[in-house]
């Protein structure tokens, strides 16, 4: 009668540390966090602020808390909307129209 050969599990080259999986999760979380930061920089057009000489960014256009950020050279100026910003005396000099493709056309009167 032939005896069955027993197979043994060789764990010599295998990492048996139960926390090694957590290190891999940390690596994945770090890659995800960096990807989110890059996406935010691209979404808020911050690359323009770093590379261009003159940049104008309008935050919340047309709303009460509208904000305009202007960069000229190394100087950055921030303008915030206020209650009295649209008040005063003046005369109408024309009309602006926004086209379907997003362009704005000014037509003087």
N, C-alpha and C. Protein backbone atom coordinates (compact mmCIF):
# COMPACT_ATOMS: atom_id res chain seq x y z
N UNK A 1 0.83 -1.15 0.00
CA UNK A 1 0.00 0.00 0.00
C UNK A 1 0.89 1.24 0.00
N UNK A 2 0.54 2.16 -0.87
CA UNK A 2 1.30 3.39 -0.99
C UNK A 2 0.76 4.44 -0.04
N UNK A 3 1.65 5.10 0.56
CA UNK A 3 1.26 6.13 1.50
C UNK A 3 1.11 7.48 0.77
N UNK A 4 0.05 8.25 1.11
CA UNK A 4 -0.19 9.55 0.47
C UNK A 4 0.86 10.54 0.94
N UNK A 5 1.31 11.33 -0.01
CA UNK A 5 2.32 12.33 0.29
C UNK A 5 1.66 13.56 0.90
N UNK A 6 2.19 14.02 1.99
CA UNK A 6 1.63 15.20 2.64
C UNK A 6 2.29 16.46 2.08
N UNK A 7 1.44 17.45 1.87
CA UNK A 7 1.95 18.74 1.39
C UNK A 7 1.97 19.71 2.56
N UNK A 8 3.06 20.35 2.73
CA UNK A 8 3.18 21.33 3.80
C UNK A 8 3.20 22.73 3.21
N UNK A 9 2.70 23.67 3.96
CA UNK A 9 2.65 25.06 3.54
C UNK A 9 3.96 25.74 3.94
N UNK A 10 4.64 26.29 2.93
CA UNK A 10 5.92 26.95 3.18
C UNK A 10 5.67 28.46 3.32
N UNK A 11 5.78 28.98 4.54
CA UNK A 11 5.53 30.39 4.82
C UNK A 11 6.81 31.19 4.96
N UNK A 12 7.89 30.66 4.52
CA UNK A 12 9.17 31.33 4.72
C UNK A 12 9.26 32.66 3.97
N UNK A 13 8.76 32.77 2.74
CA UNK A 13 8.87 34.01 1.96
C UNK A 13 7.65 34.89 2.06
N UNK A 14 6.68 34.54 2.88
CA UNK A 14 5.43 35.29 2.98
C UNK A 14 5.46 36.18 4.22
N UNK A 15 4.98 37.40 4.06
CA UNK A 15 4.91 38.33 5.18
C UNK A 15 3.69 37.98 6.02
N UNK A 16 3.89 37.64 7.25
CA UNK A 16 2.78 37.22 8.11
C UNK A 16 2.31 38.34 9.02
N UNK A 17 2.78 39.56 8.82
CA UNK A 17 2.38 40.69 9.65
C UNK A 17 0.95 41.10 9.30
N UNK A 18 0.02 41.11 10.25
CA UNK A 18 -1.36 41.46 9.92
C UNK A 18 -1.56 42.93 9.57
N UNK A 19 -0.63 43.80 9.94
CA UNK A 19 -0.76 45.23 9.64
C UNK A 19 -0.17 45.62 8.29
N UNK A 20 0.40 44.69 7.57
CA UNK A 20 0.97 45.03 6.27
C UNK A 20 -0.11 45.45 5.28
N UNK A 21 -1.32 44.93 5.43
CA UNK A 21 -2.42 45.36 4.57
C UNK A 21 -2.81 46.80 4.83
N UNK A 22 -2.67 47.26 6.07
CA UNK A 22 -2.99 48.64 6.40
C UNK A 22 -2.02 49.61 5.72
N UNK A 23 -0.79 49.21 5.57
CA UNK A 23 0.19 50.07 4.89
C UNK A 23 -0.23 50.26 3.44
N UNK A 24 -0.73 49.20 2.82
CA UNK A 24 -1.19 49.32 1.44
C UNK A 24 -2.40 50.25 1.35
N UNK A 25 -3.31 50.18 2.32
CA UNK A 25 -4.46 51.08 2.33
C UNK A 25 -4.02 52.53 2.51
N UNK A 26 -3.01 52.75 3.33
CA UNK A 26 -2.48 54.10 3.51
C UNK A 26 -1.92 54.63 2.20
N UNK A 27 -1.20 53.79 1.46
CA UNK A 27 -0.65 54.21 0.17
C UNK A 27 -1.77 54.59 -0.80
N UNK A 28 -2.82 53.81 -0.83
CA UNK A 28 -3.95 54.10 -1.71
C UNK A 28 -4.61 55.41 -1.30
N UNK A 29 -4.76 55.64 0.00
CA UNK A 29 -5.37 56.88 0.48
C UNK A 29 -4.52 58.09 0.11
N UNK A 30 -3.21 57.96 0.19
CA UNK A 30 -2.33 59.08 -0.17
C UNK A 30 -2.43 59.40 -1.66
N UNK A 31 -2.46 58.39 -2.50
CA UNK A 31 -2.59 58.61 -3.94
C UNK A 31 -3.94 59.28 -4.23
N UNK A 32 -4.99 58.85 -3.57
CA UNK A 32 -6.32 59.45 -3.75
C UNK A 32 -6.32 60.91 -3.31
N UNK A 33 -5.68 61.22 -2.19
CA UNK A 33 -5.64 62.59 -1.69
C UNK A 33 -4.87 63.50 -2.65
N UNK A 34 -3.77 63.03 -3.18
CA UNK A 34 -3.00 63.83 -4.14
C UNK A 34 -3.81 64.05 -5.41
N UNK A 35 -4.52 63.03 -5.86
CA UNK A 35 -5.36 63.18 -7.05
C UNK A 35 -6.47 64.21 -6.82
N UNK A 36 -7.06 64.22 -5.63
CA UNK A 36 -8.08 65.22 -5.31
C UNK A 36 -7.51 66.63 -5.31
N UNK A 37 -6.32 66.80 -4.75
CA UNK A 37 -5.70 68.13 -4.73
C UNK A 37 -5.39 68.61 -6.15
N UNK A 38 -4.90 67.74 -7.00
CA UNK A 38 -4.62 68.12 -8.38
C UNK A 38 -5.92 68.49 -9.10
N UNK A 39 -6.98 67.73 -8.86
CA UNK A 39 -8.26 68.03 -9.49
C UNK A 39 -8.80 69.38 -9.03
N UNK A 40 -8.62 69.71 -7.75
CA UNK A 40 -9.09 71.00 -7.24
C UNK A 40 -8.29 72.15 -7.85
N UNK A 41 -6.99 71.99 -7.98
CA UNK A 41 -6.16 73.04 -8.57
C UNK A 41 -6.57 73.28 -10.01
N UNK A 42 -6.83 72.21 -10.74
CA UNK A 42 -7.25 72.35 -12.14
C UNK A 42 -8.65 72.96 -12.20
N UNK A 43 -9.56 72.53 -11.34
CA UNK A 43 -10.94 73.02 -11.37
C UNK A 43 -11.02 74.50 -11.03
N UNK A 44 -10.24 74.97 -10.07
CA UNK A 44 -10.26 76.37 -9.69
C UNK A 44 -9.30 77.22 -10.51
N UNK A 45 -8.72 76.67 -11.54
CA UNK A 45 -7.80 77.35 -12.45
C UNK A 45 -6.65 78.03 -11.72
N UNK A 46 -6.13 77.38 -10.69
CA UNK A 46 -5.03 77.95 -9.93
C UNK A 46 -3.72 77.90 -10.73
N UNK A 47 -3.65 77.03 -11.75
CA UNK A 47 -2.44 76.99 -12.56
C UNK A 47 -2.24 78.30 -13.30
N UNK A 48 -3.35 78.96 -13.69
CA UNK A 48 -3.24 80.26 -14.34
C UNK A 48 -2.60 81.29 -13.40
N UNK A 49 -2.97 81.22 -12.13
CA UNK A 49 -2.41 82.17 -11.16
C UNK A 49 -0.90 81.98 -11.01
N UNK A 50 -0.42 80.79 -11.24
CA UNK A 50 1.01 80.52 -11.07
C UNK A 50 1.81 80.80 -12.33
N UNK A 51 1.19 80.71 -13.51
CA UNK A 51 1.95 80.79 -14.75
C UNK A 51 1.73 82.08 -15.54
N UNK A 52 0.54 82.63 -15.51
CA UNK A 52 0.23 83.80 -16.32
C UNK A 52 0.66 85.10 -15.62
N UNK A 53 0.88 86.17 -16.42
CA UNK A 53 1.23 87.47 -15.85
C UNK A 53 0.00 88.25 -15.44
N UNK A 54 -1.08 88.20 -16.25
CA UNK A 54 -2.31 88.91 -15.92
C UNK A 54 -3.47 87.93 -15.95
N UNK A 55 -4.16 87.81 -14.81
CA UNK A 55 -5.28 86.88 -14.68
C UNK A 55 -6.39 87.56 -13.91
N UNK A 56 -7.64 87.37 -14.37
CA UNK A 56 -8.81 87.86 -13.64
C UNK A 56 -9.76 86.69 -13.42
N UNK A 57 -10.11 86.45 -12.17
CA UNK A 57 -11.03 85.37 -11.83
C UNK A 57 -12.24 85.98 -11.12
N UNK A 58 -13.45 85.60 -11.57
CA UNK A 58 -14.68 86.07 -10.95
C UNK A 58 -15.32 84.89 -10.24
N UNK A 59 -15.48 85.02 -8.93
CA UNK A 59 -16.14 83.98 -8.13
C UNK A 59 -17.58 84.39 -7.89
N UNK A 60 -18.50 83.48 -8.00
CA UNK A 60 -19.93 83.70 -7.76
C UNK A 60 -20.47 84.87 -8.58
N UNK A 61 -20.34 84.83 -9.92
CA UNK A 61 -20.77 85.98 -10.72
C UNK A 61 -22.27 86.24 -10.61
N UNK A 62 -22.62 87.52 -10.44
CA UNK A 62 -24.01 87.94 -10.39
C UNK A 62 -24.69 87.75 -9.04
N UNK A 63 -24.01 87.20 -8.08
CA UNK A 63 -24.62 86.98 -6.77
C UNK A 63 -24.15 88.06 -5.80
N UNK A 64 -24.78 88.08 -4.64
CA UNK A 64 -24.49 89.10 -3.63
C UNK A 64 -23.07 88.99 -3.11
N UNK A 65 -22.54 87.75 -3.03
CA UNK A 65 -21.19 87.55 -2.49
C UNK A 65 -20.14 87.42 -3.60
N UNK A 66 -20.37 88.11 -4.72
CA UNK A 66 -19.44 88.06 -5.85
C UNK A 66 -18.07 88.59 -5.44
N UNK A 67 -17.03 87.98 -6.01
CA UNK A 67 -15.67 88.36 -5.68
C UNK A 67 -14.83 88.34 -6.95
N UNK A 68 -13.98 89.33 -7.14
CA UNK A 68 -13.11 89.42 -8.31
C UNK A 68 -11.66 89.41 -7.82
N UNK A 69 -10.86 88.50 -8.37
CA UNK A 69 -9.44 88.40 -8.02
C UNK A 69 -8.64 88.74 -9.27
N UNK A 70 -7.78 89.76 -9.17
CA UNK A 70 -6.98 90.22 -10.30
C UNK A 70 -5.51 90.07 -9.95
N UNK A 71 -4.76 89.42 -10.85
CA UNK A 71 -3.32 89.28 -10.66
C UNK A 71 -2.62 89.99 -11.80
N UNK A 72 -1.78 90.96 -11.47
CA UNK A 72 -0.95 91.66 -12.45
C UNK A 72 0.49 91.53 -11.99
N UNK A 73 1.26 90.77 -12.72
CA UNK A 73 2.65 90.52 -12.32
C UNK A 73 2.68 89.71 -11.03
N UNK A 74 3.30 90.27 -10.00
CA UNK A 74 3.36 89.58 -8.70
C UNK A 74 2.33 90.11 -7.71
N UNK A 75 1.55 91.11 -8.12
CA UNK A 75 0.57 91.73 -7.23
C UNK A 75 -0.82 91.12 -7.45
N UNK A 76 -1.46 90.71 -6.36
CA UNK A 76 -2.81 90.14 -6.42
C UNK A 76 -3.74 91.06 -5.65
N UNK A 77 -4.83 91.47 -6.32
CA UNK A 77 -5.82 92.35 -5.71
C UNK A 77 -7.16 91.63 -5.67
N UNK A 78 -7.87 91.78 -4.57
CA UNK A 78 -9.15 91.10 -4.39
C UNK A 78 -10.24 92.14 -4.15
N UNK A 79 -11.29 92.08 -4.95
CA UNK A 79 -12.42 92.98 -4.82
C UNK A 79 -13.65 92.17 -4.41
N UNK A 80 -14.36 92.64 -3.39
CA UNK A 80 -15.58 91.95 -2.94
C UNK A 80 -16.78 92.83 -3.22
N UNK A 81 -17.88 92.19 -3.61
CA UNK A 81 -19.12 92.91 -3.87
C UNK A 81 -19.72 93.43 -2.59
N UNK A 82 -20.44 94.54 -2.69
CA UNK A 82 -21.11 95.09 -1.51
C UNK A 82 -22.49 95.57 -1.92
N UNK A 83 -23.28 95.97 -0.95
CA UNK A 83 -24.65 96.41 -1.20
C UNK A 83 -24.69 97.65 -2.11
N UNK A 84 -23.78 98.60 -1.89
CA UNK A 84 -23.83 99.87 -2.62
C UNK A 84 -22.97 99.90 -3.87
N UNK A 85 -22.42 98.77 -4.29
CA UNK A 85 -21.51 98.76 -5.43
C UNK A 85 -22.22 99.12 -6.73
N UNK A 86 -23.50 98.82 -6.86
CA UNK A 86 -24.22 99.09 -8.10
C UNK A 86 -25.02 100.38 -8.06
N UNK A 87 -24.85 101.20 -7.08
CA UNK A 87 -25.63 102.42 -6.95
C UNK A 87 -24.82 103.61 -7.43
N UNK A 88 -25.52 104.63 -7.84
CA UNK A 88 -24.85 105.85 -8.26
C UNK A 88 -25.56 106.45 -9.47
N UNK A 89 -25.05 107.59 -9.92
CA UNK A 89 -25.64 108.26 -11.08
C UNK A 89 -24.82 107.92 -12.31
N UNK A 90 -25.51 107.87 -13.42
CA UNK A 90 -24.83 107.57 -14.67
C UNK A 90 -25.84 107.51 -15.81
N UNK A 91 -25.38 107.11 -16.96
CA UNK A 91 -26.28 106.97 -18.10
C UNK A 91 -25.99 105.65 -18.79
N UNK A 92 -27.00 105.15 -19.44
CA UNK A 92 -26.87 103.88 -20.15
C UNK A 92 -26.10 104.11 -21.44
N UNK A 93 -25.07 103.29 -21.66
CA UNK A 93 -24.25 103.49 -22.86
C UNK A 93 -24.35 102.32 -23.84
N UNK A 94 -25.07 101.27 -23.48
CA UNK A 94 -25.19 100.15 -24.40
C UNK A 94 -25.80 98.94 -23.72
N UNK A 95 -25.83 97.85 -24.48
CA UNK A 95 -26.42 96.61 -23.99
C UNK A 95 -25.45 95.46 -24.26
N UNK A 96 -25.36 94.52 -23.33
CA UNK A 96 -24.53 93.34 -23.51
C UNK A 96 -25.44 92.13 -23.68
N UNK A 97 -25.11 91.27 -24.64
CA UNK A 97 -25.88 90.06 -24.90
C UNK A 97 -24.96 88.85 -24.76
N UNK A 98 -25.46 87.80 -24.14
CA UNK A 98 -24.71 86.56 -24.04
C UNK A 98 -25.24 85.59 -25.08
N UNK A 99 -24.37 85.11 -25.95
CA UNK A 99 -24.75 84.17 -27.00
C UNK A 99 -24.85 82.76 -26.45
N UNK A 100 -25.42 81.85 -27.24
CA UNK A 100 -25.60 80.46 -26.80
C UNK A 100 -24.27 79.77 -26.51
N UNK A 101 -23.21 80.16 -27.21
CA UNK A 101 -21.91 79.51 -27.00
C UNK A 101 -21.12 80.12 -25.85
N UNK A 102 -21.71 81.09 -25.12
CA UNK A 102 -21.06 81.64 -23.95
C UNK A 102 -20.38 82.98 -24.19
N UNK A 103 -20.22 83.39 -25.44
CA UNK A 103 -19.58 84.68 -25.73
C UNK A 103 -20.52 85.82 -25.36
N UNK A 104 -19.94 86.95 -24.99
CA UNK A 104 -20.72 88.13 -24.65
C UNK A 104 -20.39 89.23 -25.65
N UNK A 105 -21.45 89.84 -26.20
CA UNK A 105 -21.28 90.90 -27.21
C UNK A 105 -21.84 92.18 -26.63
N UNK A 106 -21.07 93.26 -26.72
CA UNK A 106 -21.50 94.58 -26.26
C UNK A 106 -21.94 95.39 -27.48
N UNK A 107 -23.14 95.96 -27.40
CA UNK A 107 -23.67 96.78 -28.48
C UNK A 107 -23.89 98.19 -27.94
N UNK A 108 -23.10 99.18 -28.40
CA UNK A 108 -23.29 100.55 -27.93
C UNK A 108 -24.58 101.11 -28.47
N UNK A 109 -25.20 102.04 -27.72
CA UNK A 109 -26.46 102.65 -28.17
C UNK A 109 -26.20 103.82 -29.09
